[in-house]
Structures are given as C-alpha cells and as structure tokens.
Amino acid sequence: MRTVLNEDYVTVPEAAQLLRVHVSTIRRWIDSGELPAHRVGQRRILVKRADLTNLITPARTEQEKAGGISHTEHLQIPKLTPEEQRRGLEAIERARRLQAEMLARRGGKLFSPSWELLNEARDERNRQLS
C-alpha cells in the first residue's frame, strides 16, 4: 500500500488480492469505468482503497430478502368464501378421480419418469441423425 497525497493507494494486483478476484477483473472494472484508477508515470496504475470499498455492496436489499415486500407492508390475502372452498375441494376430488381412472386404464402401471422419456427421445433423434 502506498500513501500519496494523504490518500491510501494500492496496485492492481494488491486490489485483486484484497477483493479476492482476478487481476483481469480489476482491469475490466477500470476499463468499464466502475473503478476509478490513477496512472503514476507511464506504466504504474494505482487505485484508491476507498474506491475499492465503494465496490462492496449488499448482494440483496432488505426488500429483496423479504420477498419483495417491505416490513412495513403486509400482503392482504382475503380468506376464501365457503363457496370458493367448496369449489376448490370439488376440483381436487375431480383430479383425484381422473388420476385413479388413468391409473386403472394403464393396469396400475405408472408413467415413466420424465428423464427416461427425454433420454429415449434423445437416443431416437441421435439414431435418426446417424
């Protein structure tokens, strides 16, 4: 670390080491303007330590952590009416009956897992292309 004009400066490799990133990442940030850099002489590039600190920000805001709703807001979800509850339960029962019918038509044999179907389709496509 160097102190120039009462400011703390680090070299590009030192900055990369401090932030635990690759040197090319620091250079990319400098090139894109995200990280201000200062040339000393013809070749040496230094970065203010304070500018490195400005790069460190929370990965998610508090609102994002809370699922997009701030702590002061409360999501108002109205309760289902008795009619809506009845209709929902009827739909679930119809789905269960349909499942039982389909299983009976297949002689109790379940459908193949999707990964098996995808592998079979991929193998068939490879055979067609060969």
C-alpha atoms as a PDB file:
ATOM      1  CA  MET A   1       0.000   0.000   0.000  1.00  0.00           C
ATOM      2  CA  ARG A   2       1.259   3.450  -0.843  1.00  0.00           C
ATOM      3  CA  THR A   3       0.271   6.770   0.647  1.00  0.00           C
ATOM      4  CA  VAL A   4       0.238   9.514  -1.951  1.00  0.00           C
ATOM      5  CA  LEU A   5      -1.020  12.974  -1.080  1.00  0.00           C
ATOM      6  CA  ASN A   6      -2.663  11.699   2.133  1.00  0.00           C
ATOM      7  CA  GLU A   7      -4.661   9.007   0.263  1.00  0.00           C
ATOM      8  CA  ASP A   8      -4.153   5.238   0.526  1.00  0.00           C
ATOM      9  CA  TYR A   9      -3.463   3.660  -2.878  1.00  0.00           C
ATOM     10  CA  VAL A  10      -2.941   0.040  -3.893  1.00  0.00           C
ATOM     11  CA  THR A  11      -1.646  -1.513  -7.088  1.00  0.00           C
ATOM     12  CA  VAL A  12      -3.917  -3.534  -9.382  1.00  0.00           C
ATOM     13  CA  PRO A  13      -2.556  -6.891  -8.094  1.00  0.00           C
ATOM     14  CA  GLU A  14      -2.956  -5.701  -4.488  1.00  0.00           C
ATOM     15  CA  ALA A  15      -6.540  -4.608  -5.216  1.00  0.00           C
ATOM     16  CA  ALA A  16      -7.289  -8.021  -6.718  1.00  0.00           C
ATOM     17  CA  GLN A  17      -5.857  -9.733  -3.666  1.00  0.00           C
ATOM     18  CA  LEU A  18      -7.852  -7.543  -1.265  1.00  0.00           C
ATOM     19  CA  LEU A  19     -11.144  -8.256  -3.056  1.00  0.00           C
ATOM     20  CA  ARG A  20     -10.225 -11.872  -3.787  1.00  0.00           C
ATOM     21  CA  VAL A  21     -10.817 -11.503  -7.515  1.00  0.00           C
ATOM     22  CA  HIS A  22      -8.563 -11.985 -10.521  1.00  0.00           C
ATOM     23  CA  VAL A  23      -6.328  -9.154 -11.700  1.00  0.00           C
ATOM     24  CA  SER A  24      -8.198  -9.158 -15.030  1.00  0.00           C
ATOM     25  CA  THR A  25     -11.440  -8.434 -13.137  1.00  0.00           C
ATOM     26  CA  ILE A  26      -9.899  -5.313 -11.595  1.00  0.00           C
ATOM     27  CA  ARG A  27      -8.651  -4.223 -15.029  1.00  0.00           C
ATOM     28  CA  ARG A  28     -12.099  -4.843 -16.538  1.00  0.00           C
ATOM     29  CA  TRP A  29     -13.707  -2.704 -13.810  1.00  0.00           C
ATOM     30  CA  ILE A  30     -11.177   0.036 -14.522  1.00  0.00           C
ATOM     31  CA  ASP A  31     -11.797  -0.164 -18.298  1.00  0.00           C
ATOM     32  CA  SER A  32     -15.594  -0.050 -17.835  1.00  0.00           C
ATOM     33  CA  GLY A  33     -15.353   2.950 -15.502  1.00  0.00           C
ATOM     34  CA  GLU A  34     -16.730   1.092 -12.470  1.00  0.00           C
ATOM     35  CA  LEU A  35     -13.434   1.539 -10.642  1.00  0.00           C
ATOM     36  CA  PRO A  36     -11.546   4.839 -10.900  1.00  0.00           C
ATOM     37  CA  ALA A  37      -7.793   4.385 -11.371  1.00  0.00           C
ATOM     38  CA  HIS A  38      -4.835   6.725 -11.434  1.00  0.00           C
ATOM     39  CA  ARG A  39      -1.730   6.459 -13.562  1.00  0.00           C
ATOM     40  CA  VAL A  40       1.590   7.172 -11.902  1.00  0.00           C
ATOM     41  CA  GLY A  41       4.277   7.513 -14.535  1.00  0.00           C
ATOM     42  CA  GLN A  42       3.927   5.665 -17.823  1.00  0.00           C
ATOM     43  CA  ARG A  43       3.108   2.177 -16.583  1.00  0.00           C
ATOM     44  CA  ARG A  44       2.028   2.135 -12.941  1.00  0.00           C
ATOM     45  CA  ILE A  45      -1.684   2.191 -12.176  1.00  0.00           C
ATOM     46  CA  LEU A  46      -2.930   2.746  -8.633  1.00  0.00           C
ATOM     47  CA  VAL A  47      -6.413   2.509  -7.147  1.00  0.00           C
ATOM     48  CA  LYS A  48      -7.680   4.305  -4.060  1.00  0.00           C
ATOM     49  CA  ARG A  49      -8.517   1.925  -1.239  1.00  0.00           C
ATOM     50  CA  ALA A  50     -11.708   3.947  -0.626  1.00  0.00           C
ATOM     51  CA  ASP A  51     -12.805   3.282  -4.227  1.00  0.00           C
ATOM     52  CA  LEU A  52     -12.396  -0.450  -3.604  1.00  0.00           C
ATOM     53  CA  THR A  53     -14.597  -0.125  -0.544  1.00  0.00           C
ATOM     54  CA  ASN A  54     -17.290   1.519  -2.693  1.00  0.00           C
ATOM     55  CA  LEU A  55     -17.427  -1.625  -4.855  1.00  0.00           C
ATOM     56  CA  ILE A  56     -18.565  -3.697  -1.890  1.00  0.00           C
ATOM     57  CA  THR A  57     -22.353  -3.539  -1.675  1.00  0.00           C
ATOM     58  CA  PRO A  58     -25.041  -5.835  -0.258  1.00  0.00           C
ATOM     59  CA  ALA A  59     -25.873  -8.682  -2.619  1.00  0.00           C
ATOM     60  CA  ARG A  60     -29.584  -8.131  -1.997  1.00  0.00           C
ATOM     61  CA  THR A  61     -31.516  -5.295  -0.482  1.00  0.00           C
ATOM     62  CA  GLU A  62     -33.609  -5.845   2.626  1.00  0.00           C
ATOM     63  CA  GLN A  63     -36.737  -5.670   0.470  1.00  0.00           C
ATOM     64  CA  GLU A  64     -35.457  -8.448  -1.818  1.00  0.00           C
ATOM     65  CA  LYS A  65     -34.594 -10.594   1.202  1.00  0.00           C
ATOM     66  CA  ALA A  66     -38.163 -10.208   2.429  1.00  0.00           C
ATOM     67  CA  GLY A  67     -39.512 -11.434  -0.892  1.00  0.00           C
ATOM     68  CA  GLY A  68     -40.197  -8.017  -2.365  1.00  0.00           C
ATOM     69  CA  ILE A  69     -42.432  -6.804   0.452  1.00  0.00           C
ATOM     70  CA  SER A  70     -41.024  -4.372   2.967  1.00  0.00           C
ATOM     71  CA  HIS A  71     -41.510  -4.994   6.648  1.00  0.00           C
ATOM     72  CA  THR A  72     -43.968  -2.128   6.840  1.00  0.00           C
ATOM     73  CA  GLU A  73     -46.185  -3.568   4.108  1.00  0.00           C
ATOM     74  CA  HIS A  74     -48.441  -6.521   4.755  1.00  0.00           C
ATOM     75  CA  LEU A  75     -49.836  -8.582   1.932  1.00  0.00           C
ATOM     76  CA  GLN A  76     -53.589  -8.706   2.273  1.00  0.00           C
ATOM     77  CA  ILE A  77     -54.871 -12.072   1.070  1.00  0.00           C
ATOM     78  CA  PRO A  78     -58.588 -12.372   1.565  1.00  0.00           C
ATOM     79  CA  LYS A  79     -59.907 -15.620   3.012  1.00  0.00           C
ATOM     80  CA  LEU A  80     -61.778 -17.921   0.694  1.00  0.00           C
ATOM     81  CA  THR A  81     -65.527 -17.790   0.881  1.00  0.00           C
ATOM     82  CA  PRO A  82     -67.315 -21.024   1.784  1.00  0.00           C
ATOM     83  CA  GLU A  83     -68.360 -21.303  -1.890  1.00  0.00           C
ATOM     84  CA  GLU A  84     -64.737 -20.920  -3.092  1.00  0.00           C
ATOM     85  CA  GLN A  85     -63.610 -23.512  -0.555  1.00  0.00           C
ATOM     86  CA  ARG A  86     -66.291 -25.940  -1.740  1.00  0.00           C
ATOM     87  CA  ARG A  87     -65.392 -25.432  -5.410  1.00  0.00           C
ATOM     88  CA  GLY A  88     -61.669 -25.897  -4.673  1.00  0.00           C
ATOM     89  CA  LEU A  89     -62.283 -29.141  -2.794  1.00  0.00           C
ATOM     90  CA  GLU A  90     -64.505 -30.404  -5.626  1.00  0.00           C
ATOM     91  CA  ALA A  91     -61.732 -29.653  -8.155  1.00  0.00           C
ATOM     92  CA  ILE A  92     -59.231 -31.588  -6.053  1.00  0.00           C
ATOM     93  CA  GLU A  93     -61.620 -34.527  -5.834  1.00  0.00           C
ATOM     94  CA  ARG A  94     -62.189 -34.480  -9.635  1.00  0.00           C
ATOM     95  CA  ALA A  95     -58.412 -34.506 -10.176  1.00  0.00           C
ATOM     96  CA  ARG A  96     -58.029 -37.495  -7.831  1.00  0.00           C
ATOM     97  CA  ARG A  97     -60.796 -39.389  -9.647  1.00  0.00           C
ATOM     98  CA  LEU A  98     -59.164 -38.675 -13.016  1.00  0.00           C
ATOM     99  CA  GLN A  99     -55.829 -39.884 -11.662  1.00  0.00           C
ATOM    100  CA  ALA A 100     -57.438 -43.115 -10.431  1.00  0.00           C
ATOM    101  CA  GLU A 101     -59.175 -43.651 -13.821  1.00  0.00           C
ATOM    102  CA  MET A 102     -55.953 -43.147 -15.751  1.00  0.00           C
ATOM    103  CA  LEU A 103     -54.083 -45.494 -13.440  1.00  0.00           C
ATOM    104  CA  ALA A 104     -56.834 -48.119 -13.845  1.00  0.00           C
ATOM    105  CA  ARG A 105     -56.690 -47.810 -17.670  1.00  0.00           C
ATOM    106  CA  ARG A 106     -52.925 -48.412 -17.518  1.00  0.00           C
ATOM    107  CA  GLY A 107     -53.394 -51.501 -15.352  1.00  0.00           C
ATOM    108  CA  GLY A 108     -51.874 -49.784 -12.319  1.00  0.00           C
ATOM    109  CA  LYS A 109     -48.660 -49.002 -14.214  1.00  0.00           C
ATOM    110  CA  LEU A 110     -47.297 -45.512 -13.531  1.00  0.00           C
ATOM    111  CA  PHE A 111     -45.903 -43.271 -16.260  1.00  0.00           C
ATOM    112  CA  SER A 112     -42.145 -43.369 -16.818  1.00  0.00           C
ATOM    113  CA  PRO A 113     -40.137 -40.630 -15.153  1.00  0.00           C
ATOM    114  CA  SER A 114     -39.612 -37.661 -17.468  1.00  0.00           C
ATOM    115  CA  TRP A 115     -35.824 -38.102 -17.536  1.00  0.00           C
ATOM    116  CA  GLU A 116     -36.273 -41.576 -19.028  1.00  0.00           C
ATOM    117  CA  LEU A 117     -38.599 -40.227 -21.727  1.00  0.00           C
ATOM    118  CA  LEU A 118     -36.142 -37.438 -22.543  1.00  0.00           C
ATOM    119  CA  ASN A 119     -33.244 -39.885 -22.799  1.00  0.00           C
ATOM    120  CA  GLU A 120     -35.270 -42.156 -25.096  1.00  0.00           C
ATOM    121  CA  ALA A 121     -36.230 -39.223 -27.316  1.00  0.00           C
ATOM    122  CA  ARG A 122     -32.600 -38.047 -27.445  1.00  0.00           C
ATOM    123  CA  ASP A 123     -31.372 -41.557 -28.331  1.00  0.00           C
ATOM    124  CA  GLU A 124     -34.010 -41.861 -31.071  1.00  0.00           C
ATOM    125  CA  ARG A 125     -33.027 -38.465 -32.502  1.00  0.00           C
ATOM    126  CA  ASN A 126     -29.350 -39.490 -32.496  1.00  0.00           C
ATOM    127  CA  ARG A 127     -30.224 -42.696 -34.357  1.00  0.00           C
ATOM    128  CA  GLN A 128     -32.137 -40.658 -36.966  1.00  0.00           C
ATOM    129  CA  LEU A 129     -29.205 -38.294 -37.455  1.00  0.00           C
ATOM    130  CA  SER A 130     -26.643 -41.120 -37.840  1.00  0.00           C
END
